[in-house]
Amino acid sequence: MYVAVEGVIGVGKTTLARLLAERLGTESLLEVVEENPFLPLFYQDPARWGFKVQVFFLLSRYKQLLSLAQPSLFTRGVVADYLFDKDAIFASMNLSGAEWELYRDLYRQLAPRIPTPDLTIYLRAPLPVILERIRRRGRVFEKQMDPAYLARLNEHYEQHFATYPHPLWVLETQAFDFADSEADRDWVVRQVQQRLEVPAPYKA
């Protein structure tokens, strides 16, 4: 079983991925964001650092997710807090010209080797909710993020998932609190179990 949780920055992917991994009895596979040395520089000067930040993320995510092609490493299943497609979504917005062409060629070579999730959960939330969640998270390099950048990113996500050809659940998250509400946590786990057709390994 392979489940991926996706959505814009700050929407709650890691919180939900950790919850599902715990309740479903799987392993979690979490993206390592802070290890990208170019990310703080990118937020200061996107045009200069965009290609470097995207290639670092592409290779990092590829190395992580390639392990899913070896089922013996994840015998209990896995829930990831990102989708490999994510990298191309960001790159299509942040790169252009020769840099985009070079990136796209590299992406097309790597993407077919990554397994497709049994279920992808696309999290949505209004921009003010996302901005508040980012503020509460407290990452230094995100504090000065331009809301217009997040709005553009959201548009790219919407375009991507409008034609996503694999099992997908779109979840509006503004009405739920998976961090603090036990009822909300139980509800979302049941919904995922129904979509995956797996038995409940926990007592609700």
N, C-alpha and C. Protein backbone atom coordinates (compact mmCIF):
# COMPACT_ATOMS: atom_id res chain seq x y z
N MET A 1 0.84 -1.20 0.00
CA MET A 1 0.00 0.00 0.00
C MET A 1 0.87 1.25 0.00
N TYR A 2 0.59 2.12 -0.93
CA TYR A 2 1.35 3.36 -1.06
C TYR A 2 0.36 4.52 -1.18
N VAL A 3 0.36 5.40 -0.20
CA VAL A 3 -0.50 6.58 -0.17
C VAL A 3 0.38 7.82 -0.19
N ALA A 4 0.00 8.81 -1.01
CA ALA A 4 0.72 10.08 -1.06
C ALA A 4 -0.23 11.20 -0.69
N VAL A 5 0.26 12.14 0.12
CA VAL A 5 -0.51 13.32 0.52
C VAL A 5 0.14 14.52 -0.15
N GLU A 6 -0.66 15.32 -0.85
CA GLU A 6 -0.11 16.44 -1.60
C GLU A 6 -0.95 17.69 -1.41
N GLY A 7 -0.37 18.84 -1.77
CA GLY A 7 -1.04 20.13 -1.63
C GLY A 7 0.00 21.22 -1.51
N VAL A 8 -0.45 22.47 -1.50
CA VAL A 8 0.48 23.60 -1.48
C VAL A 8 1.21 23.68 -0.14
N ILE A 9 2.21 24.52 -0.10
CA ILE A 9 3.01 24.73 1.10
C ILE A 9 2.11 25.09 2.28
N GLY A 10 2.28 24.41 3.41
CA GLY A 10 1.58 24.77 4.63
C GLY A 10 0.17 24.25 4.77
N VAL A 11 -0.30 23.42 3.85
CA VAL A 11 -1.70 22.99 3.90
C VAL A 11 -1.93 21.86 4.90
N GLY A 12 -0.87 21.19 5.36
CA GLY A 12 -1.02 20.16 6.38
C GLY A 12 -0.64 18.76 5.93
N LYS A 13 0.20 18.66 4.92
CA LYS A 13 0.56 17.35 4.36
C LYS A 13 1.26 16.45 5.37
N THR A 14 2.27 16.98 6.04
CA THR A 14 3.06 16.16 6.96
C THR A 14 2.23 15.72 8.16
N THR A 15 1.41 16.62 8.67
CA THR A 15 0.54 16.27 9.79
C THR A 15 -0.36 15.10 9.44
N LEU A 16 -0.98 15.16 8.26
CA LEU A 16 -1.88 14.09 7.86
C LEU A 16 -1.12 12.81 7.53
N ALA A 17 0.03 12.92 6.87
CA ALA A 17 0.81 11.73 6.53
C ALA A 17 1.24 10.98 7.78
N ARG A 18 1.68 11.69 8.79
CA ARG A 18 2.09 11.05 10.03
C ARG A 18 0.91 10.37 10.71
N LEU A 19 -0.23 11.03 10.71
CA LEU A 19 -1.43 10.45 11.31
C LEU A 19 -1.83 9.15 10.60
N LEU A 20 -1.86 9.19 9.27
CA LEU A 20 -2.27 8.01 8.52
C LEU A 20 -1.29 6.86 8.71
N ALA A 21 0.00 7.16 8.70
CA ALA A 21 1.00 6.11 8.89
C ALA A 21 0.81 5.43 10.25
N GLU A 22 0.55 6.25 11.28
CA GLU A 22 0.37 5.68 12.62
C GLU A 22 -0.90 4.84 12.69
N ARG A 23 -2.00 5.36 12.17
CA ARG A 23 -3.28 4.66 12.31
C ARG A 23 -3.40 3.46 11.38
N LEU A 24 -2.78 3.53 10.20
CA LEU A 24 -2.88 2.43 9.25
C LEU A 24 -1.80 1.38 9.46
N GLY A 25 -0.86 1.67 10.37
CA GLY A 25 0.19 0.71 10.64
C GLY A 25 1.24 0.62 9.56
N THR A 26 1.45 1.72 8.82
CA THR A 26 2.45 1.74 7.76
C THR A 26 3.66 2.54 8.20
N GLU A 27 4.64 2.60 7.35
CA GLU A 27 5.78 3.48 7.57
C GLU A 27 5.48 4.83 6.95
N SER A 28 6.13 5.87 7.42
CA SER A 28 5.98 7.20 6.85
C SER A 28 7.24 7.56 6.07
N LEU A 29 7.05 8.28 4.98
CA LEU A 29 8.15 8.75 4.16
C LEU A 29 7.98 10.26 4.03
N LEU A 30 8.81 11.02 4.74
CA LEU A 30 8.64 12.46 4.84
C LEU A 30 9.71 13.20 4.05
N GLU A 31 9.26 14.20 3.33
CA GLU A 31 10.18 15.01 2.54
C GLU A 31 11.12 15.79 3.45
N VAL A 32 12.38 15.87 3.05
CA VAL A 32 13.38 16.62 3.81
C VAL A 32 13.56 17.97 3.13
N VAL A 33 12.89 18.98 3.64
CA VAL A 33 12.92 20.31 3.02
C VAL A 33 14.12 21.11 3.46
N GLU A 34 14.39 21.09 4.76
CA GLU A 34 15.43 21.97 5.31
C GLU A 34 16.83 21.62 4.81
N GLU A 35 17.03 20.42 4.27
CA GLU A 35 18.36 20.03 3.81
C GLU A 35 18.73 20.66 2.47
N ASN A 36 17.79 21.28 1.79
CA ASN A 36 18.09 21.93 0.51
C ASN A 36 18.81 23.25 0.79
N PRO A 37 20.11 23.35 0.49
CA PRO A 37 20.86 24.56 0.84
C PRO A 37 20.49 25.77 0.01
N PHE A 38 19.78 25.55 -1.10
CA PHE A 38 19.45 26.65 -1.99
C PHE A 38 18.09 27.28 -1.69
N LEU A 39 17.30 26.64 -0.82
CA LEU A 39 15.93 27.09 -0.62
C LEU A 39 15.83 28.49 0.00
N PRO A 40 16.56 28.80 1.08
CA PRO A 40 16.49 30.17 1.60
C PRO A 40 16.92 31.21 0.57
N LEU A 41 17.91 30.87 -0.24
CA LEU A 41 18.37 31.79 -1.28
C LEU A 41 17.33 31.96 -2.37
N PHE A 42 16.59 30.88 -2.66
CA PHE A 42 15.56 30.95 -3.68
C PHE A 42 14.48 31.96 -3.29
N TYR A 43 14.06 31.96 -2.05
CA TYR A 43 13.00 32.88 -1.64
C TYR A 43 13.47 34.34 -1.70
N GLN A 44 14.76 34.56 -1.64
CA GLN A 44 15.29 35.91 -1.77
C GLN A 44 15.45 36.32 -3.23
N ASP A 45 15.82 35.37 -4.10
CA ASP A 45 16.08 35.68 -5.51
C ASP A 45 15.69 34.46 -6.36
N PRO A 46 14.39 34.29 -6.65
CA PRO A 46 13.93 33.09 -7.37
C PRO A 46 14.57 32.90 -8.74
N ALA A 47 14.76 33.98 -9.47
CA ALA A 47 15.31 33.86 -10.82
C ALA A 47 16.72 33.30 -10.81
N ARG A 48 17.51 33.67 -9.82
CA ARG A 48 18.89 33.23 -9.77
C ARG A 48 19.03 31.81 -9.26
N TRP A 49 18.20 31.43 -8.29
CA TRP A 49 18.41 30.16 -7.60
C TRP A 49 17.38 29.09 -7.95
N GLY A 50 16.43 29.41 -8.82
CA GLY A 50 15.35 28.48 -9.13
C GLY A 50 15.82 27.14 -9.67
N PHE A 51 16.75 27.14 -10.63
CA PHE A 51 17.19 25.89 -11.22
C PHE A 51 17.92 25.02 -10.21
N LYS A 52 18.78 25.62 -9.41
CA LYS A 52 19.54 24.85 -8.42
C LYS A 52 18.61 24.24 -7.38
N VAL A 53 17.63 25.00 -6.91
CA VAL A 53 16.73 24.48 -5.89
C VAL A 53 15.88 23.35 -6.44
N GLN A 54 15.47 23.46 -7.71
CA GLN A 54 14.63 22.41 -8.29
C GLN A 54 15.40 21.13 -8.56
N VAL A 55 16.62 21.23 -9.05
CA VAL A 55 17.40 20.02 -9.33
C VAL A 55 17.75 19.31 -8.03
N PHE A 56 18.07 20.07 -6.98
CA PHE A 56 18.35 19.45 -5.68
C PHE A 56 17.12 18.67 -5.20
N PHE A 57 15.94 19.31 -5.26
CA PHE A 57 14.72 18.64 -4.82
C PHE A 57 14.41 17.43 -5.70
N LEU A 58 14.59 17.57 -7.00
CA LEU A 58 14.29 16.47 -7.90
C LEU A 58 15.09 15.23 -7.55
N LEU A 59 16.39 15.40 -7.38
CA LEU A 59 17.25 14.25 -7.09
C LEU A 59 16.99 13.70 -5.69
N SER A 60 16.73 14.59 -4.74
CA SER A 60 16.45 14.15 -3.37
C SER A 60 15.16 13.34 -3.32
N ARG A 61 14.11 13.83 -3.97
CA ARG A 61 12.84 13.12 -3.97
C ARG A 61 12.94 11.82 -4.75
N TYR A 62 13.69 11.83 -5.82
CA TYR A 62 13.87 10.62 -6.62
C TYR A 62 14.54 9.52 -5.78
N LYS A 63 15.60 9.88 -5.08
CA LYS A 63 16.31 8.90 -4.26
C LYS A 63 15.40 8.32 -3.18
N GLN A 64 14.58 9.19 -2.56
CA GLN A 64 13.67 8.70 -1.53
C GLN A 64 12.62 7.75 -2.09
N LEU A 65 11.95 8.18 -3.16
CA LEU A 65 10.81 7.43 -3.68
C LEU A 65 11.22 6.21 -4.49
N LEU A 66 12.43 6.19 -4.99
CA LEU A 66 12.88 5.02 -5.75
C LEU A 66 12.87 3.77 -4.88
N SER A 67 13.06 3.96 -3.58
CA SER A 67 13.06 2.81 -2.67
C SER A 67 11.71 2.11 -2.66
N LEU A 68 10.64 2.81 -3.06
CA LEU A 68 9.31 2.18 -3.10
C LEU A 68 9.22 1.12 -4.18
N ALA A 69 10.13 1.16 -5.13
CA ALA A 69 10.14 0.13 -6.17
C ALA A 69 10.65 -1.20 -5.64
N GLN A 70 11.14 -1.22 -4.40
CA GLN A 70 11.60 -2.44 -3.75
C GLN A 70 10.65 -2.77 -2.60
N PRO A 71 9.59 -3.52 -2.85
CA PRO A 71 8.56 -3.77 -1.82
C PRO A 71 9.11 -4.36 -0.53
N SER A 72 10.22 -5.06 -0.61
CA SER A 72 10.77 -5.69 0.60
C SER A 72 11.20 -4.66 1.62
N LEU A 73 11.42 -3.41 1.20
CA LEU A 73 11.84 -2.37 2.12
C LEU A 73 10.67 -1.77 2.89
N PHE A 74 9.45 -1.93 2.36
CA PHE A 74 8.27 -1.34 2.99
C PHE A 74 7.17 -2.40 3.08
N THR A 75 7.41 -3.42 3.85
CA THR A 75 6.47 -4.54 3.92
C THR A 75 5.13 -4.15 4.53
N ARG A 76 5.10 -3.09 5.34
CA ARG A 76 3.85 -2.65 5.98
C ARG A 76 3.12 -1.61 5.15
N GLY A 77 3.70 -1.19 4.03
CA GLY A 77 3.14 -0.10 3.27
C GLY A 77 3.76 1.22 3.69
N VAL A 78 3.41 2.29 2.97
CA VAL A 78 4.03 3.58 3.26
C VAL A 78 3.06 4.71 2.94
N VAL A 79 3.13 5.75 3.75
CA VAL A 79 2.41 7.00 3.49
C VAL A 79 3.46 8.10 3.35
N ALA A 80 3.45 8.79 2.21
CA ALA A 80 4.42 9.86 1.95
C ALA A 80 3.72 11.21 2.01
N ASP A 81 4.46 12.23 2.44
CA ASP A 81 3.86 13.56 2.53
C ASP A 81 4.14 14.39 1.28
N TYR A 82 4.42 13.71 0.16
CA TYR A 82 4.57 14.41 -1.12
C TYR A 82 4.44 13.39 -2.25
N LEU A 83 4.20 13.91 -3.43
CA LEU A 83 4.08 13.14 -4.65
C LEU A 83 5.25 13.53 -5.55
N PHE A 84 5.78 12.57 -6.30
CA PHE A 84 6.92 12.91 -7.16
C PHE A 84 6.53 13.99 -8.18
N ASP A 85 5.28 13.99 -8.61
CA ASP A 85 4.80 15.01 -9.54
C ASP A 85 5.03 16.42 -9.01
N LYS A 86 5.10 16.55 -7.69
CA LYS A 86 5.25 17.86 -7.06
C LYS A 86 6.41 18.64 -7.64
N ASP A 87 7.50 17.94 -7.92
CA ASP A 87 8.69 18.64 -8.37
C ASP A 87 8.45 19.33 -9.70
N ALA A 88 7.78 18.65 -10.62
CA ALA A 88 7.49 19.25 -11.91
C ALA A 88 6.49 20.40 -11.79
N ILE A 89 5.57 20.32 -10.83
CA ILE A 89 4.61 21.41 -10.62
C ILE A 89 5.36 22.69 -10.24
N PHE A 90 6.27 22.58 -9.28
CA PHE A 90 7.06 23.74 -8.87
C PHE A 90 7.96 24.23 -9.99
N ALA A 91 8.61 23.29 -10.67
CA ALA A 91 9.57 23.67 -11.72
C ALA A 91 8.87 24.38 -12.87
N SER A 92 7.67 23.94 -13.23
CA SER A 92 6.95 24.57 -14.33
C SER A 92 6.62 26.03 -14.02
N MET A 93 6.53 26.35 -12.75
CA MET A 93 6.25 27.72 -12.34
C MET A 93 7.51 28.54 -12.16
N ASN A 94 8.59 27.91 -11.70
CA ASN A 94 9.79 28.64 -11.31
C ASN A 94 10.86 28.72 -12.39
N LEU A 95 10.77 27.87 -13.41
CA LEU A 95 11.81 27.82 -14.44
C LEU A 95 11.24 28.21 -15.80
N SER A 96 12.13 28.64 -16.68
CA SER A 96 11.73 28.99 -18.04
C SER A 96 12.92 28.81 -18.97
N GLY A 97 12.65 28.88 -20.26
CA GLY A 97 13.72 28.84 -21.25
C GLY A 97 14.54 27.57 -21.20
N ALA A 98 15.85 27.72 -21.37
CA ALA A 98 16.76 26.57 -21.43
C ALA A 98 16.78 25.80 -20.11
N GLU A 99 16.64 26.52 -18.97
CA GLU A 99 16.65 25.83 -17.68
C GLU A 99 15.44 24.90 -17.56
N TRP A 100 14.28 25.36 -18.00
CA TRP A 100 13.09 24.52 -17.95
C TRP A 100 13.23 23.32 -18.88
N GLU A 101 13.76 23.52 -20.07
CA GLU A 101 13.94 22.42 -21.01
C GLU A 101 14.89 21.37 -20.46
N LEU A 102 15.99 21.82 -19.86
CA LEU A 102 16.96 20.88 -19.28
C LEU A 102 16.35 20.12 -18.11
N TYR A 103 15.65 20.85 -17.25
CA TYR A 103 14.99 20.21 -16.10
C TYR A 103 13.97 19.18 -16.59
N ARG A 104 13.16 19.56 -17.56
CA ARG A 104 12.10 18.67 -18.03
C ARG A 104 12.67 17.39 -18.63
N ASP A 105 13.78 17.48 -19.34
CA ASP A 105 14.41 16.28 -19.88
C ASP A 105 14.85 15.34 -18.76
N LEU A 106 15.45 15.93 -17.71
CA LEU A 106 15.89 15.12 -16.58
C LEU A 106 14.70 14.49 -15.87
N TYR A 107 13.65 15.26 -15.66
CA TYR A 107 12.46 14.75 -14.99
C TYR A 107 11.84 13.59 -15.77
N ARG A 108 11.76 13.71 -17.07
CA ARG A 108 11.15 12.67 -17.89
C ARG A 108 11.96 11.37 -17.86
N GLN A 109 13.24 11.47 -17.63
CA GLN A 109 14.06 10.27 -17.51
C GLN A 109 13.83 9.56 -16.18
N LEU A 110 13.55 10.33 -15.13
CA LEU A 110 13.44 9.76 -13.79
C LEU A 110 12.02 9.33 -13.43
N ALA A 111 11.03 10.08 -13.85
CA ALA A 111 9.65 9.87 -13.40
C ALA A 111 9.13 8.45 -13.64
N PRO A 112 9.38 7.83 -14.80
CA PRO A 112 8.80 6.49 -15.04
C PRO A 112 9.29 5.42 -14.06
N ARG A 113 10.36 5.67 -13.35
CA ARG A 113 10.91 4.68 -12.42
C ARG A 113 10.23 4.72 -11.04
N ILE A 114 9.41 5.73 -10.81
CA ILE A 114 8.78 5.91 -9.51
C ILE A 114 7.39 5.26 -9.52
N PRO A 115 7.06 4.42 -8.54
CA PRO A 115 5.74 3.79 -8.50
C PRO A 115 4.61 4.82 -8.35
N THR A 116 3.43 4.44 -8.83
CA THR A 116 2.24 5.28 -8.71
C THR A 116 1.51 4.96 -7.41
N PRO A 117 1.09 5.97 -6.65
CA PRO A 117 0.37 5.69 -5.39
C PRO A 117 -0.94 4.94 -5.63
N ASP A 118 -1.31 4.11 -4.65
CA ASP A 118 -2.63 3.48 -4.68
C ASP A 118 -3.72 4.52 -4.43
N LEU A 119 -3.36 5.58 -3.70
CA LEU A 119 -4.28 6.69 -3.45
C LEU A 119 -3.47 7.96 -3.22
N THR A 120 -3.86 9.03 -3.90
CA THR A 120 -3.27 10.34 -3.65
C THR A 120 -4.33 11.22 -3.01
N ILE A 121 -3.98 11.87 -1.91
CA ILE A 121 -4.90 12.78 -1.21
C ILE A 121 -4.43 14.20 -1.47
N TYR A 122 -5.25 14.97 -2.16
CA TYR A 122 -4.93 16.36 -2.50
C TYR A 122 -5.62 17.27 -1.50
N LEU A 123 -4.84 17.93 -0.66
CA LEU A 123 -5.38 18.82 0.37
C LEU A 123 -5.55 20.23 -0.18
N ARG A 124 -6.70 20.79 0.10
CA ARG A 124 -6.98 22.18 -0.28
C ARG A 124 -7.28 23.01 0.96
N ALA A 125 -7.02 24.33 0.86
CA ALA A 125 -7.43 25.27 1.91
C ALA A 125 -7.37 26.67 1.31
N PRO A 126 -8.20 27.60 1.79
CA PRO A 126 -8.13 28.98 1.32
C PRO A 126 -6.77 29.60 1.67
N LEU A 127 -6.35 30.57 0.88
CA LEU A 127 -5.05 31.19 1.07
C LEU A 127 -4.85 31.75 2.49
N PRO A 128 -5.82 32.46 3.09
CA PRO A 128 -5.60 32.95 4.47
C PRO A 128 -5.33 31.83 5.47
N VAL A 129 -5.97 30.67 5.29
CA VAL A 129 -5.74 29.53 6.18
C VAL A 129 -4.33 29.01 6.00
N ILE A 130 -3.88 28.91 4.77
CA ILE A 130 -2.52 28.43 4.49
C ILE A 130 -1.49 29.37 5.08
N LEU A 131 -1.69 30.67 4.91
CA LEU A 131 -0.75 31.65 5.44
C LEU A 131 -0.65 31.57 6.97
N GLU A 132 -1.78 31.34 7.62
CA GLU A 132 -1.77 31.20 9.08
C GLU A 132 -1.05 29.93 9.50
N ARG A 133 -1.23 28.85 8.77
CA ARG A 133 -0.54 27.60 9.11
C ARG A 133 0.97 27.75 8.90
N ILE A 134 1.37 28.45 7.86
CA ILE A 134 2.79 28.70 7.63
C ILE A 134 3.36 29.54 8.77
N ARG A 135 2.59 30.55 9.20
CA ARG A 135 3.04 31.40 10.31
C ARG A 135 3.24 30.58 11.58
N ARG A 136 2.29 29.69 11.87
CA ARG A 136 2.40 28.87 13.07
C ARG A 136 3.56 27.88 12.98
N ARG A 137 3.85 27.41 11.78
CA ARG A 137 4.94 26.44 11.61
C ARG A 137 6.29 27.07 11.95
N GLY A 138 6.48 28.32 11.58
CA GLY A 138 7.64 29.07 12.06
C GLY A 138 8.95 28.84 11.35
N ARG A 139 8.93 28.31 10.12
CA ARG A 139 10.19 28.18 9.39
C ARG A 139 10.69 29.56 8.98
N VAL A 140 11.92 29.85 9.31
CA VAL A 140 12.46 31.20 9.10
C VAL A 140 12.38 31.61 7.64
N PHE A 141 12.77 30.71 6.73
CA PHE A 141 12.84 31.08 5.32
C PHE A 141 11.46 31.22 4.67
N GLU A 142 10.39 30.82 5.38
CA GLU A 142 9.04 30.96 4.83
C GLU A 142 8.32 32.21 5.32
N LYS A 143 8.88 32.89 6.31
CA LYS A 143 8.16 33.99 6.95
C LYS A 143 7.89 35.15 6.00
N GLN A 144 8.77 35.36 5.03
CA GLN A 144 8.58 36.47 4.10
C GLN A 144 8.06 36.00 2.75
N MET A 145 7.45 34.84 2.71
CA MET A 145 6.92 34.31 1.46
C MET A 145 5.80 35.20 0.93
N ASP A 146 5.86 35.51 -0.34
CA ASP A 146 4.88 36.37 -0.99
C ASP A 146 3.56 35.61 -1.16
N PRO A 147 2.45 36.14 -0.63
CA PRO A 147 1.16 35.47 -0.82
C PRO A 147 0.83 35.27 -2.29
N ALA A 148 1.30 36.16 -3.16
CA ALA A 148 1.03 36.02 -4.59
C ALA A 148 1.71 34.76 -5.14
N TYR A 149 2.87 34.41 -4.59
CA TYR A 149 3.56 33.19 -5.00
C TYR A 149 2.72 31.96 -4.64
N LEU A 150 2.16 31.96 -3.44
CA LEU A 150 1.32 30.85 -3.01
C LEU A 150 0.05 30.75 -3.86
N ALA A 151 -0.50 31.92 -4.23
CA ALA A 151 -1.70 31.90 -5.07
C ALA A 151 -1.40 31.31 -6.44
N ARG A 152 -0.26 31.66 -7.01
CA ARG A 152 0.14 31.09 -8.30
C ARG A 152 0.40 29.59 -8.18
N LEU A 153 1.05 29.21 -7.09
CA LEU A 153 1.32 27.80 -6.85
C LEU A 153 0.02 27.01 -6.76
N ASN A 154 -0.95 27.57 -6.09
CA ASN A 154 -2.24 26.91 -5.96
C ASN A 154 -2.88 26.69 -7.33
N GLU A 155 -2.75 27.67 -8.21
CA GLU A 155 -3.30 27.53 -9.56
C GLU A 155 -2.64 26.38 -10.31
N HIS A 156 -1.33 26.24 -10.14
CA HIS A 156 -0.61 25.16 -10.81
C HIS A 156 -1.04 23.80 -10.26
N TYR A 157 -1.25 23.72 -8.95
CA TYR A 157 -1.74 22.48 -8.36
C TYR A 157 -3.12 22.12 -8.90
N GLU A 158 -3.99 23.12 -8.99
CA GLU A 158 -5.34 22.87 -9.50
C GLU A 158 -5.30 22.36 -10.93
N GLN A 159 -4.45 22.94 -11.75
CA GLN A 159 -4.32 22.51 -13.13
C GLN A 159 -3.80 21.07 -13.21
N HIS A 160 -2.84 20.75 -12.36
CA HIS A 160 -2.26 19.41 -12.38
C HIS A 160 -3.30 18.36 -12.00
N PHE A 161 -4.01 18.58 -10.92
CA PHE A 161 -4.93 17.56 -10.43
C PHE A 161 -6.25 17.54 -11.20
N ALA A 162 -6.50 18.55 -12.02
CA ALA A 162 -7.70 18.53 -12.86
C ALA A 162 -7.64 17.41 -13.89
N THR A 163 -6.43 16.98 -14.24
CA THR A 163 -6.28 15.90 -15.22
C THR A 163 -5.48 14.72 -14.66
N TYR A 164 -5.40 14.62 -13.35
CA TYR A 164 -4.63 13.55 -12.72
C TYR A 164 -5.30 12.22 -13.01
N PRO A 165 -4.59 11.24 -13.60
CA PRO A 165 -5.24 10.02 -14.08
C PRO A 165 -5.29 8.86 -13.08
N HIS A 166 -4.85 9.08 -11.85
CA HIS A 166 -4.75 7.99 -10.88
C HIS A 166 -5.75 8.21 -9.73
N PRO A 167 -5.97 7.20 -8.87
CA PRO A 167 -6.93 7.35 -7.77
C PRO A 167 -6.63 8.59 -6.92
N LEU A 168 -7.64 9.44 -6.76
CA LEU A 168 -7.46 10.75 -6.13
C LEU A 168 -8.63 11.06 -5.20
N TRP A 169 -8.30 11.60 -4.03
CA TRP A 169 -9.31 12.13 -3.12
C TRP A 169 -8.95 13.58 -2.83
N VAL A 170 -9.85 14.50 -3.17
CA VAL A 170 -9.65 15.92 -2.92
C VAL A 170 -10.32 16.26 -1.59
N LEU A 171 -9.55 16.79 -0.65
CA LEU A 171 -10.05 17.04 0.70
C LEU A 171 -9.90 18.52 1.05
N GLU A 172 -11.03 19.15 1.31
CA GLU A 172 -11.02 20.55 1.76
C GLU A 172 -10.71 20.56 3.26
N THR A 173 -9.58 21.14 3.64
CA THR A 173 -9.08 20.97 5.01
C THR A 173 -9.44 22.10 5.97
N GLN A 174 -10.04 23.19 5.48
CA GLN A 174 -10.24 24.33 6.38
C GLN A 174 -11.21 24.03 7.52
N ALA A 175 -12.06 23.02 7.32
CA ALA A 175 -13.05 22.69 8.35
C ALA A 175 -12.57 21.61 9.31
N PHE A 176 -11.31 21.14 9.13
CA PHE A 176 -10.81 20.03 9.94
C PHE A 176 -9.54 20.43 10.68
N ASP A 177 -9.35 19.79 11.82
CA ASP A 177 -8.15 20.01 12.63
C ASP A 177 -7.54 18.66 12.97
N PHE A 178 -6.69 18.17 12.08
CA PHE A 178 -6.11 16.85 12.28
C PHE A 178 -5.03 16.85 13.34
N ALA A 179 -4.59 18.03 13.74
CA ALA A 179 -3.55 18.11 14.77
C ALA A 179 -4.14 17.93 16.17
N ASP A 180 -5.35 18.46 16.41
CA ASP A 180 -5.87 18.50 17.77
C ASP A 180 -7.23 17.84 17.97
N SER A 181 -7.95 17.55 16.91
CA SER A 181 -9.30 16.99 17.05
C SER A 181 -9.29 15.49 16.81
N GLU A 182 -9.58 14.72 17.85
CA GLU A 182 -9.62 13.27 17.72
C GLU A 182 -10.73 12.82 16.78
N ALA A 183 -11.87 13.52 16.83
CA ALA A 183 -12.99 13.17 15.94
C ALA A 183 -12.60 13.38 14.48
N ASP A 184 -11.91 14.47 14.20
CA ASP A 184 -11.46 14.72 12.82
C ASP A 184 -10.44 13.69 12.38
N ARG A 185 -9.56 13.31 13.28
CA ARG A 185 -8.55 12.30 12.94
C ARG A 185 -9.23 10.96 12.62
N ASP A 186 -10.17 10.56 13.46
CA ASP A 186 -10.87 9.30 13.23
C ASP A 186 -11.61 9.33 11.89
N TRP A 187 -12.25 10.45 11.61
CA TRP A 187 -13.04 10.56 10.36
C TRP A 187 -12.16 10.40 9.14
N VAL A 188 -11.04 11.10 9.08
CA VAL A 188 -10.21 11.06 7.88
C VAL A 188 -9.59 9.68 7.70
N VAL A 189 -9.23 9.02 8.79
CA VAL A 189 -8.67 7.67 8.69
C VAL A 189 -9.71 6.71 8.12
N ARG A 190 -10.95 6.81 8.59
CA ARG A 190 -12.01 5.95 8.06
C ARG A 190 -12.23 6.19 6.58
N GLN A 191 -12.19 7.45 6.17
CA GLN A 191 -12.37 7.76 4.75
C GLN A 191 -11.27 7.13 3.90
N VAL A 192 -10.06 7.18 4.37
CA VAL A 192 -8.94 6.61 3.61
C VAL A 192 -9.07 5.08 3.57
N GLN A 193 -9.44 4.49 4.69
CA GLN A 193 -9.61 3.03 4.72
C GLN A 193 -10.67 2.57 3.72
N GLN A 194 -11.76 3.32 3.63
CA GLN A 194 -12.82 2.97 2.69
C GLN A 194 -12.32 3.04 1.25
N ARG A 195 -11.54 4.07 0.95
CA ARG A 195 -11.04 4.23 -0.42
C ARG A 195 -9.99 3.19 -0.77
N LEU A 196 -9.25 2.73 0.22
CA LEU A 196 -8.25 1.70 -0.01
C LEU A 196 -8.80 0.29 0.18
N GLU A 197 -10.01 0.22 0.76
CA GLU A 197 -10.65 -1.06 1.05
C GLU A 197 -9.77 -1.92 1.95
N VAL A 198 -9.29 -1.28 3.03
CA VAL A 198 -8.48 -2.02 4.01
C VAL A 198 -9.23 -2.04 5.33
N PRO A 199 -9.05 -3.07 6.15
CA PRO A 199 -9.70 -3.15 7.46
C PRO A 199 -9.11 -2.16 8.45
N ALA A 200 -9.87 -1.81 9.44
CA ALA A 200 -9.42 -0.86 10.46
C ALA A 200 -8.52 -1.55 11.47
N PRO A 201 -7.24 -1.11 11.61
CA PRO A 201 -6.36 -1.74 12.58
C PRO A 201 -6.36 -1.02 13.92
N TYR A 202 -7.30 -0.13 14.14
CA TYR A 202 -7.32 0.65 15.36
C TYR A 202 -8.74 0.75 15.88
N LYS A 203 -8.88 1.14 17.10
CA LYS A 203 -10.20 1.33 17.71
C LYS A 203 -10.57 2.80 17.67
N ALA A 204 -11.62 3.13 16.93
CA ALA A 204 -12.05 4.54 16.77
C ALA A 204 -12.76 5.03 18.02
